[in-house]
Protein backbone atom coordinates (compact mmCIF):
# COMPACT_ATOMS: atom_id res chain seq x y z
CA MET A 1 36.88 16.64 12.84
CA ALA A 2 36.61 16.42 9.04
CA ALA A 3 35.62 12.72 9.17
CA GLY A 4 32.44 13.42 11.11
CA LEU A 5 31.48 16.30 8.82
CA LEU A 6 32.13 14.21 5.71
CA LEU A 7 30.10 11.28 7.03
CA THR A 8 27.19 13.62 7.73
CA ALA A 9 27.57 15.22 4.26
CA PHE A 10 27.47 11.78 2.63
CA VAL A 11 24.28 10.72 4.46
CA LEU A 12 22.51 14.03 3.92
CA GLY A 13 23.49 14.10 0.27
CA LYS A 14 22.32 10.53 -0.32
CA ILE A 15 18.92 11.19 1.31
CA GLY A 16 18.50 14.58 -0.31
CA GLU A 17 19.42 13.49 -3.84
CA LYS A 18 16.85 10.72 -3.66
CA ASP A 19 14.05 12.88 -2.29
CA VAL A 20 14.59 15.84 -4.62
CA SER A 21 13.75 13.66 -7.60
CA GLU A 22 11.61 10.83 -6.19
CA ALA A 23 9.72 11.95 -3.04
CA LEU A 24 5.97 11.57 -3.54
CA THR A 25 4.98 14.83 -1.87
CA PHE A 26 5.97 18.47 -2.14
CA GLY A 27 7.05 18.42 1.51
CA GLY A 28 9.32 15.48 0.84
CA ARG A 29 11.00 17.18 -2.12
CA LEU A 30 11.41 20.40 -0.14
CA ALA A 31 13.11 18.42 2.62
CA GLY A 32 15.31 16.76 -0.03
CA ALA A 33 16.48 20.17 -1.29
CA THR A 34 17.30 21.17 2.30
CA PHE A 35 19.30 17.97 2.75
CA VAL A 36 21.31 18.65 -0.41
CA PHE A 37 22.02 22.21 0.70
CA SER A 38 23.01 21.01 4.18
CA ALA A 39 25.34 18.40 2.63
CA ALA A 40 27.07 21.19 0.71
CA VAL A 41 27.48 23.16 3.97
CA GLU A 42 29.00 20.09 5.62
CA LEU A 43 31.53 19.76 2.80
CA ILE A 44 32.56 23.40 3.23
CA ALA A 45 32.82 22.86 6.98
CA ALA A 46 35.02 19.77 6.47
CA ILE A 47 37.43 21.80 4.35
CA ALA A 48 37.32 24.71 6.83
CA ALA A 49 38.23 22.33 9.67
CA PHE A 50 41.77 21.92 8.32
CA ASP A 51 42.22 25.70 8.32
CA TYR A 52 40.66 26.37 11.71
CA LEU A 53 42.61 23.63 13.43
CA GLY A 54 45.71 24.65 11.49
CA LYS A 55 46.98 28.08 10.44
CA ARG A 56 43.57 29.90 10.56
CA ARG A 57 44.06 31.94 7.41
CA TRP A 58 40.31 32.30 6.85
CA ILE A 59 38.60 34.29 9.58
CA TYR A 60 35.29 32.49 9.07
CA SER A 61 36.68 28.95 9.15
CA GLY A 62 35.72 28.48 12.82
CA ALA A 63 32.15 29.70 12.18
CA ALA A 64 31.81 27.39 9.20
CA VAL A 65 32.92 24.38 11.24
CA LEU A 66 30.63 25.33 14.11
CA ILE A 67 27.60 25.62 11.80
CA GLY A 68 28.50 22.24 10.24
CA VAL A 69 28.67 20.63 13.67
CA LEU A 70 25.33 22.13 14.76
CA ILE A 71 23.66 20.84 11.58
CA ALA A 72 25.10 17.37 12.20
CA LEU A 73 23.89 17.51 15.81
CA ALA A 74 20.36 18.54 14.79
CA PHE A 75 19.94 16.03 11.95
CA ASN A 76 21.37 13.04 13.74
CA THR A 77 19.37 13.76 16.90
CA LEU A 78 16.13 13.70 14.93
CA LEU A 79 17.14 10.73 12.79
CA LEU A 80 18.00 8.80 15.94
CA TYR A 81 14.60 9.79 17.38
CA LEU A 82 12.83 8.53 14.21
CA GLN A 83 14.83 5.29 14.39
CA ILE A 84 13.83 4.75 18.04
CA THR A 85 10.14 5.56 17.44
CA ALA A 86 10.13 3.14 14.46
CA GLY A 87 11.40 0.45 16.83
CA GLU A 88 13.45 -1.16 14.07
CA ILE A 89 17.12 -1.72 13.26
CA THR A 90 18.27 -0.81 9.78
CA GLY A 91 21.63 -0.72 8.04
CA HIS A 92 21.97 2.98 8.80
CA ALA A 93 21.01 2.76 12.50
CA TRP A 94 24.64 2.86 13.70
CA ILE A 95 25.31 6.20 12.06
CA TRP A 96 22.96 8.40 14.14
CA PRO A 97 24.32 7.63 17.66
CA THR A 98 27.90 7.57 16.34
CA VAL A 99 27.71 11.03 14.75
CA LEU A 100 25.68 12.33 17.67
CA LEU A 101 28.49 11.41 20.10
CA TRP A 102 31.00 12.89 17.64
CA SER A 103 28.96 16.13 17.61
CA PHE A 104 29.33 16.57 21.36
CA TRP A 105 33.05 15.87 21.11
CA ALA A 106 33.34 18.38 18.24
CA LEU A 107 31.55 21.09 20.26
CA TRP A 108 33.90 20.47 23.16
CA LYS A 109 36.89 20.64 20.81
CA LEU A 110 35.71 23.83 19.11
CA ASN A 111 34.53 25.68 22.21
CA PRO A 112 31.69 27.75 20.65
CA ARG A 113 32.37 30.76 22.91
CA GLN A 114 35.90 31.00 21.59
CA VAL A 115 34.68 30.70 17.99
CA TRP A 116 32.22 33.55 18.51
CA ARG A 117 34.84 35.78 20.14
CA GLN A 118 37.29 35.20 17.29
CA SER A 119 34.68 35.90 14.62
CA PRO A 120 34.53 39.48 13.30
CA HIS A 121 30.74 39.36 13.49
CA PRO A 122 29.79 37.05 16.41
CA LYS A 123 26.08 37.88 16.42
CA ARG A 124 25.82 37.09 12.74
CA VAL A 125 27.66 33.83 13.25
CA ALA A 126 25.36 32.88 16.11
CA THR A 127 22.26 33.88 14.14
CA GLY A 128 23.47 31.99 11.06
CA ALA A 129 24.11 28.84 13.06
CA VAL A 130 20.71 28.95 14.75
CA VAL A 131 18.82 29.73 11.54
CA ALA A 132 20.62 26.96 9.62
CA ALA A 133 19.82 24.43 12.32
CA LEU A 134 16.19 25.52 12.63
CA VAL A 135 15.61 25.44 8.89
CA SER A 136 17.17 22.00 8.63
CA VAL A 137 15.27 20.62 11.58
CA GLY A 138 12.01 22.26 10.49
CA ASN A 139 12.16 20.70 7.06
CA LEU A 140 13.01 17.29 8.48
CA VAL A 141 10.11 17.42 10.91
CA TYR A 142 7.77 18.73 8.17
CA SER A 143 8.70 15.87 5.84
CA ARG A 144 8.17 13.36 8.64
CA VAL A 145 4.74 14.54 9.79
CA TYR A 146 3.50 15.81 6.42
CA THR A 147 0.46 13.87 5.26
CA PRO A 148 -0.54 14.01 1.58
CA TYR A 149 -3.58 16.08 0.87
CA ALA A 150 -6.42 14.20 2.54
CA THR A 151 -8.64 13.72 -0.48
CA LEU A 152 -10.75 10.65 0.04
CA VAL A 153 -10.40 7.77 -2.40
CA SER A 154 -13.40 7.51 -4.71
CA MET A 155 -13.66 4.49 -6.95
CA ASP A 156 -16.67 2.84 -8.58
CA ILE A 157 -16.96 -0.76 -9.80
CA VAL A 158 -20.03 -1.59 -11.85
CA VAL A 159 -21.23 -5.01 -13.09
CA LYS A 160 -23.93 -5.12 -15.79
CA PHE A 161 -25.50 -8.05 -17.65
CA GLY A 162 -26.31 -7.65 -21.32
CA LYS A 163 -28.92 -9.22 -23.65
CA PRO A 164 -28.76 -13.04 -23.46
CA GLN A 165 -28.59 -15.35 -26.47
CA LEU A 166 -29.29 -19.09 -26.89
CA ASN A 167 -27.51 -21.50 -29.17
CA THR A 168 -29.53 -23.15 -31.98
CA GLU A 169 -30.27 -26.20 -29.86
CA HIS A 170 -31.37 -24.06 -26.90
CA THR A 171 -29.00 -25.97 -24.66
CA VAL A 172 -26.55 -23.20 -23.80
CA LEU A 173 -27.27 -19.67 -22.59
CA TYR A 174 -24.71 -17.03 -23.61
CA LEU A 175 -24.92 -14.09 -21.18
CA PRO A 176 -22.80 -10.95 -21.86
CA MET A 177 -21.43 -9.15 -18.83
CA ASN A 178 -19.53 -5.86 -18.58
CA VAL A 179 -17.29 -5.03 -15.63
CA THR A 180 -15.93 -1.47 -15.23
CA ALA A 181 -13.71 0.04 -12.51
CA LYS A 182 -13.18 3.82 -12.57
CA ASN A 183 -11.14 6.15 -10.37
CA ASN A 184 -13.52 9.03 -9.66
CA GLY A 185 -11.31 10.72 -7.11
CA ARG A 186 -8.28 12.98 -7.31
CA VAL A 187 -5.77 10.46 -5.95
CA PRO A 188 -3.87 8.07 -8.28
CA LEU A 189 -4.33 4.45 -7.18
CA TYR A 190 -2.29 1.31 -7.53
CA ILE A 191 -4.44 -1.65 -8.60
CA LEU A 192 -3.12 -4.55 -6.52
CA GLY A 193 -5.73 -6.97 -7.82
CA THR A 194 -9.21 -7.20 -9.32
CA LEU A 195 -11.75 -9.99 -9.29
CA TYR A 196 -15.18 -10.53 -10.78
CA GLU A 197 -17.35 -13.48 -9.74
CA VAL A 198 -20.60 -14.89 -11.08
CA TYR A 199 -22.76 -17.28 -9.07
CA GLY A 200 -25.80 -19.34 -9.82
CA ARG A 201 -28.24 -19.18 -6.90
CA SER A 202 -30.48 -22.13 -6.11
CA ALA A 203 -33.58 -21.85 -3.97
CA ASN A 204 -36.66 -23.86 -3.10
CA PHE A 205 -39.97 -22.09 -3.64
CA THR A 206 -42.65 -22.78 -1.04
CA GLU A 207 -46.29 -21.71 -1.22
CA LYS A 208 -46.46 -21.64 2.55
CA ALA A 209 -45.05 -18.46 4.01
CA ARG A 210 -41.81 -18.92 5.93
CA GLY A 211 -41.76 -17.37 9.41
CA MET A 212 -39.33 -15.79 11.85
CA THR A 213 -37.60 -19.07 12.71
CA GLU A 214 -36.65 -19.68 9.07
CA TRP A 215 -35.62 -16.04 8.64
CA LYS A 216 -33.21 -16.33 11.55
CA GLY A 217 -31.57 -19.31 9.86
CA ASP A 218 -31.26 -17.29 6.64
CA ILE A 219 -29.65 -14.38 8.45
CA LEU A 220 -27.15 -16.60 10.28
CA ALA A 221 -26.17 -18.24 6.98
CA GLY A 222 -25.59 -14.79 5.40
CA HIS A 223 -28.56 -15.02 3.02
CA ASP A 224 -31.48 -12.73 2.31
CA ALA A 225 -34.59 -13.55 4.35
CA GLU A 226 -37.37 -14.38 1.89
CA ARG A 227 -41.02 -15.16 2.51
CA ASN A 228 -41.50 -17.91 -0.07
CA ALA A 229 -37.98 -19.00 -1.02
CA GLU A 230 -35.48 -21.05 0.92
CA MET A 231 -31.89 -20.50 -0.18
CA ARG A 232 -30.12 -23.80 -0.98
CA GLY A 233 -26.73 -22.41 -2.00
CA ARG A 234 -24.65 -20.76 -4.66
CA GLU A 235 -22.32 -22.27 -7.26
CA LEU A 236 -19.45 -20.48 -8.96
CA ILE A 237 -20.12 -20.12 -12.66
CA SER A 238 -17.21 -17.86 -13.66
CA PHE A 239 -14.52 -15.76 -11.98
CA GLY A 240 -11.26 -13.98 -12.90
CA ALA A 241 -9.48 -10.64 -13.14
CA ILE A 242 -11.38 -7.77 -14.70
CA MET A 243 -8.50 -7.37 -17.16
CA LYS A 244 -5.60 -9.74 -17.70
CA GLY A 245 -2.43 -8.40 -16.09
CA ASP A 246 -4.12 -5.50 -14.27
CA GLY A 247 -2.35 -6.29 -10.97
CA GLY A 248 0.44 -3.80 -10.29
CA SER A 249 -0.92 -1.22 -12.72
CA TRP A 250 -2.44 2.08 -11.62
CA LEU A 251 -5.35 4.35 -12.41
CA ASP A 252 -4.87 8.09 -12.51
CA PRO A 253 -7.86 10.27 -11.59
CA GLY A 254 -10.57 9.84 -14.22
CA ASP A 255 -9.04 6.67 -15.72
CA SER A 256 -10.93 3.38 -15.86
CA LEU A 257 -10.46 -0.25 -16.83
CA ALA A 258 -13.27 -2.30 -18.38
CA GLU A 259 -13.79 -5.72 -19.85
CA ASP A 260 -16.65 -7.57 -21.57
CA LYS A 261 -17.18 -11.19 -20.60
CA ILE A 262 -19.38 -13.90 -22.14
CA LEU A 263 -20.83 -16.45 -19.71
CA SER A 264 -21.79 -19.91 -20.98
CA ILE A 265 -24.45 -21.57 -18.82
CA PRO A 266 -26.37 -24.82 -19.56
CA THR A 267 -30.06 -24.05 -19.90
CA ASN A 268 -30.99 -27.08 -17.76
CA SER A 269 -29.14 -25.67 -14.74
CA GLN A 270 -31.23 -25.64 -11.58
CA PHE A 271 -30.73 -21.97 -10.79
CA ASP A 272 -33.39 -19.46 -9.86
CA SER A 273 -31.10 -16.45 -10.47
CA ILE A 274 -27.66 -15.42 -11.76
CA GLU A 275 -25.64 -13.02 -9.55
CA GLY A 276 -22.56 -11.04 -10.55
CA SER A 277 -20.24 -8.80 -8.49
CA ALA A 278 -16.66 -7.56 -8.47
CA GLN A 279 -14.00 -6.39 -6.06
CA THR A 280 -10.60 -4.75 -6.12
CA VAL A 281 -7.77 -3.98 -3.71
CA VAL A 282 -6.12 -0.58 -4.22
CA MET A 283 -3.40 1.48 -2.57
CA ARG A 284 -2.86 5.21 -2.78
CA LYS A 285 -0.02 6.06 -5.15
CA ASP A 286 0.85 9.19 -3.15
CA ARG A 287 1.78 7.19 -0.04
CA ALA A 288 4.25 4.60 -1.38
CA THR A 289 5.85 3.22 -4.53
CA LEU A 290 5.31 -0.40 -5.62
CA SER A 291 8.21 -2.41 -7.06
CA SER A 292 7.97 -3.34 -10.74
CA ASP A 293 8.28 -7.09 -10.10
CA TYR A 294 4.86 -7.27 -8.37
CA LEU A 295 2.92 -8.77 -11.31
CA ALA A 296 5.70 -11.26 -12.10
CA SER A 297 5.44 -12.62 -8.54
CA GLY A 298 1.99 -14.07 -9.36
CA GLY A 299 3.59 -17.40 -10.13
CA THR A 300 3.34 -18.31 -6.45
CA VAL A 301 0.46 -20.78 -6.20
CA SER A 302 -0.83 -23.36 -3.71
CA TRP A 303 -0.54 -26.32 -6.06
CA ASP A 304 2.36 -28.32 -7.54
CA ASP A 305 3.30 -29.18 -11.11
CA GLN A 306 0.72 -31.97 -11.14
CA LEU A 307 -1.95 -29.43 -10.07
CA ALA A 308 -2.37 -31.13 -6.69
CA HIS A 309 -2.79 -28.97 -3.60
CA SER A 310 0.56 -28.56 -1.89
CA GLU A 311 0.42 -25.56 0.48
CA ASN A 312 -2.23 -23.99 2.68
CA ALA A 313 -2.85 -20.29 2.94
CA PRO A 314 -2.55 -18.63 6.38
CA GLU A 315 -5.52 -19.42 8.63
CA TRP A 316 -6.80 -15.86 8.59
CA VAL A 317 -6.77 -15.82 4.77
CA ALA A 318 -8.43 -19.17 3.94
CA ILE A 319 -11.89 -20.33 4.95
CA GLU A 320 -10.54 -23.84 5.54
CA PRO A 321 -7.36 -25.82 4.85
CA GLY A 322 -7.15 -26.97 1.24
CA ASP A 323 -8.37 -23.71 -0.28
CA GLU A 324 -6.35 -22.80 -3.34
CA TYR A 325 -4.68 -19.44 -3.83
CA LEU A 326 -2.60 -17.33 -6.20
CA ARG A 327 -0.26 -14.93 -4.41
CA TYR A 328 1.32 -11.64 -5.53
CA GLN A 329 4.01 -9.85 -3.55
CA GLY A 330 6.11 -6.72 -4.11
CA ARG A 331 8.22 -4.35 -2.09
CA LEU A 332 6.93 -0.94 -1.07
CA TYR A 333 9.15 2.14 -0.99
CA TYR A 334 8.13 4.84 1.46
CA SER A 335 7.05 8.29 0.28
CA ASN A 336 10.44 9.78 1.23
CA GLU A 337 13.98 8.56 1.79
CA ILE A 338 13.99 9.56 5.46
CA LEU A 339 11.48 6.81 6.15
CA ASN A 340 13.40 4.37 3.93
CA VAL A 341 16.60 4.76 5.98
CA THR A 342 14.90 4.62 9.39
CA HIS A 343 12.38 1.78 8.70
CA ARG A 344 12.79 -1.77 7.56
CA PRO A 345 11.40 -2.66 4.10
CA ARG A 346 7.71 -3.47 3.86
CA TYR A 347 6.04 -5.78 1.34
CA VAL A 348 2.47 -5.85 0.06
CA THR A 349 1.01 -9.35 -0.34
CA LEU A 350 -2.21 -10.14 -2.14
CA TRP A 351 -4.00 -13.52 -2.05
CA TRP A 352 -6.60 -14.53 -4.59
CA VAL A 353 -8.38 -17.41 -2.81
CA THR A 354 -10.81 -19.97 -4.20
CA HIS A 355 -12.85 -21.98 -1.73
CA LYS A 356 -14.37 -25.32 -2.70
CA PRO A 357 -16.28 -26.61 0.33
CA SER A 358 -15.60 -30.11 1.55
CA ASP A 359 -19.08 -30.38 3.10
CA ARG A 360 -22.41 -28.54 3.09
CA LYS A 361 -21.46 -26.12 5.84
CA SER A 362 -20.21 -23.47 3.44
CA GLU A 363 -20.60 -22.41 -0.18
CA GLU A 364 -18.22 -22.04 -3.10
CA ASP A 365 -16.49 -18.69 -2.92
CA THR A 366 -13.61 -16.65 -4.40
CA TYR A 367 -12.20 -13.44 -2.92
CA LEU A 368 -9.15 -11.19 -2.48
CA MET A 369 -7.18 -10.61 0.75
CA ALA A 370 -4.23 -8.25 1.21
CA THR A 371 -1.74 -7.17 3.84
CA ILE A 372 1.39 -5.03 4.21
CA SER A 373 4.10 -6.44 6.46
CA LEU A 374 7.76 -7.17 6.96
CA LYS A 375 9.28 -9.90 4.80
CA GLY A 376 8.25 -13.29 6.16
CA GLU A 377 5.44 -11.89 8.33
CA GLU A 378 2.73 -11.88 5.65
CA GLY A 379 1.05 -14.87 7.31
CA ARG A 380 0.52 -13.04 10.60
CA GLU A 381 -3.09 -12.09 11.27
CA LEU A 382 -3.49 -8.34 11.72
CA SER A 383 -5.20 -6.78 14.70
CA ALA A 384 -7.77 -4.06 14.27
CA GLY A 385 -5.10 -1.53 15.18
CA ASP A 386 -2.68 -2.93 12.61
CA THR A 387 -5.35 -2.73 9.92
CA ASP A 388 -6.16 0.88 10.75
CA GLU A 389 -2.46 1.81 10.73
CA ILE A 390 -1.91 0.19 7.30
CA SER A 391 -4.96 1.94 5.90
CA GLU A 392 -3.82 5.28 7.29
CA SER A 393 -0.18 4.94 6.27
CA TYR A 394 -0.59 3.44 2.82
CA GLY A 395 -4.24 3.95 1.87
CA LEU A 396 -4.75 0.15 1.42
CA LEU A 397 -8.45 -0.37 0.69
CA GLN A 398 -10.69 -3.17 -0.55
CA ILE A 399 -13.63 -1.97 -2.65
CA SER A 400 -16.60 -4.11 -3.69
CA THR A 401 -19.69 -3.66 -5.85
CA GLY A 402 -23.26 -4.41 -5.15
CA GLU A 403 -24.68 -7.50 -6.84
CA ALA A 404 -26.19 -7.51 -10.32
CA ARG A 405 -28.95 -10.13 -10.35
CA GLU A 406 -31.09 -11.61 -13.14
CA SER A 407 -33.81 -14.27 -13.04
CA PHE A 408 -32.44 -17.40 -14.72
CA GLU A 409 -35.86 -18.41 -16.04
CA ALA A 410 -36.30 -14.96 -17.60
CA LEU A 411 -32.90 -15.24 -19.26
CA VAL A 412 -33.64 -18.66 -20.75
CA ASN A 413 -37.26 -17.89 -21.66
CA PRO A 414 -37.58 -14.14 -21.99
CA PRO A 415 -41.13 -12.86 -22.03
CA THR A 416 -42.48 -11.89 -25.46
CA GLU A 417 -43.88 -8.43 -26.12
């Protein structure tokens, strides 16, 4: 009898102690406090079991054991339900059905009717048992279904070009660029990765107006449809993180990260315009905790020590085989310990991909891709339902800017006043 109560006390105390100090929501911490209190009740019940099944010197020992058994029954029933709905086997999964079967045996052994008859205040005992079970179950359910305050994520990324300068020989254009990312919402955000990219656009000017047929080709190629310009392609001029080492950091509401870049472009480049943009992948900090080794995991690359390509990214990540990538990965910890003990560990994986086309069918490109999955399943392509579930559960979002664009000719030969 005492063994089952002590096992329940250990599990409830372990979960509760973790959530009281580390749960990410008020509901989770409230549930943690209830777990700690229930663990204390289980300890008292375990001690009372020796008296009730022995000399019965304490008139309330039977009631204490009965309440302990009912709490164990309620908690383990719901934990088993959560384990089944998760559809996963964890290291704790054996505990719930074991203690649940023990609870039925303990109720048969105690005979609740007999306990109530022997108690000096049977109605109070019954009421206490029911209230204790309902409070415990209510807090567990609340912590499971509680969703953090549904404030939408609001984040701005802005790219601006500054005043250009030429070297003394007029052979190199130095173009300042500022990239700023700011958390304008009320939700703290993990920054999983940032990326700015600058392209030189090439186009052929034609005096003859281009018609609908040409515009259709522009649209299919993902370009703007222009009357007197035919897009030839874009070349990567510069790309990188907004700030070095920003992956794995976070932005509290109102915080921002910014960096000034200097682009060096030969003045004889055959560009008609310079285009700059930026993107970032974020995750809500009130939904999960990211392990501290996330940034250090960025040593995983697609090339070997001789800088030769050695590994392809998953097909859904790369545009074509041979694309190079830099990969970050870190473990996520759920918003409360109840989910941690009933779900297998999840990992967030971020790819920073650079595409160098092997033919003229595509353009140079660099971009970020991210997923949250079980260990070893990061290469699996997500369905639309999986993507929605990840976004809802963890607040994983990819945010991009509009393009900042400047005429290359105007940068090299600015008009005089």
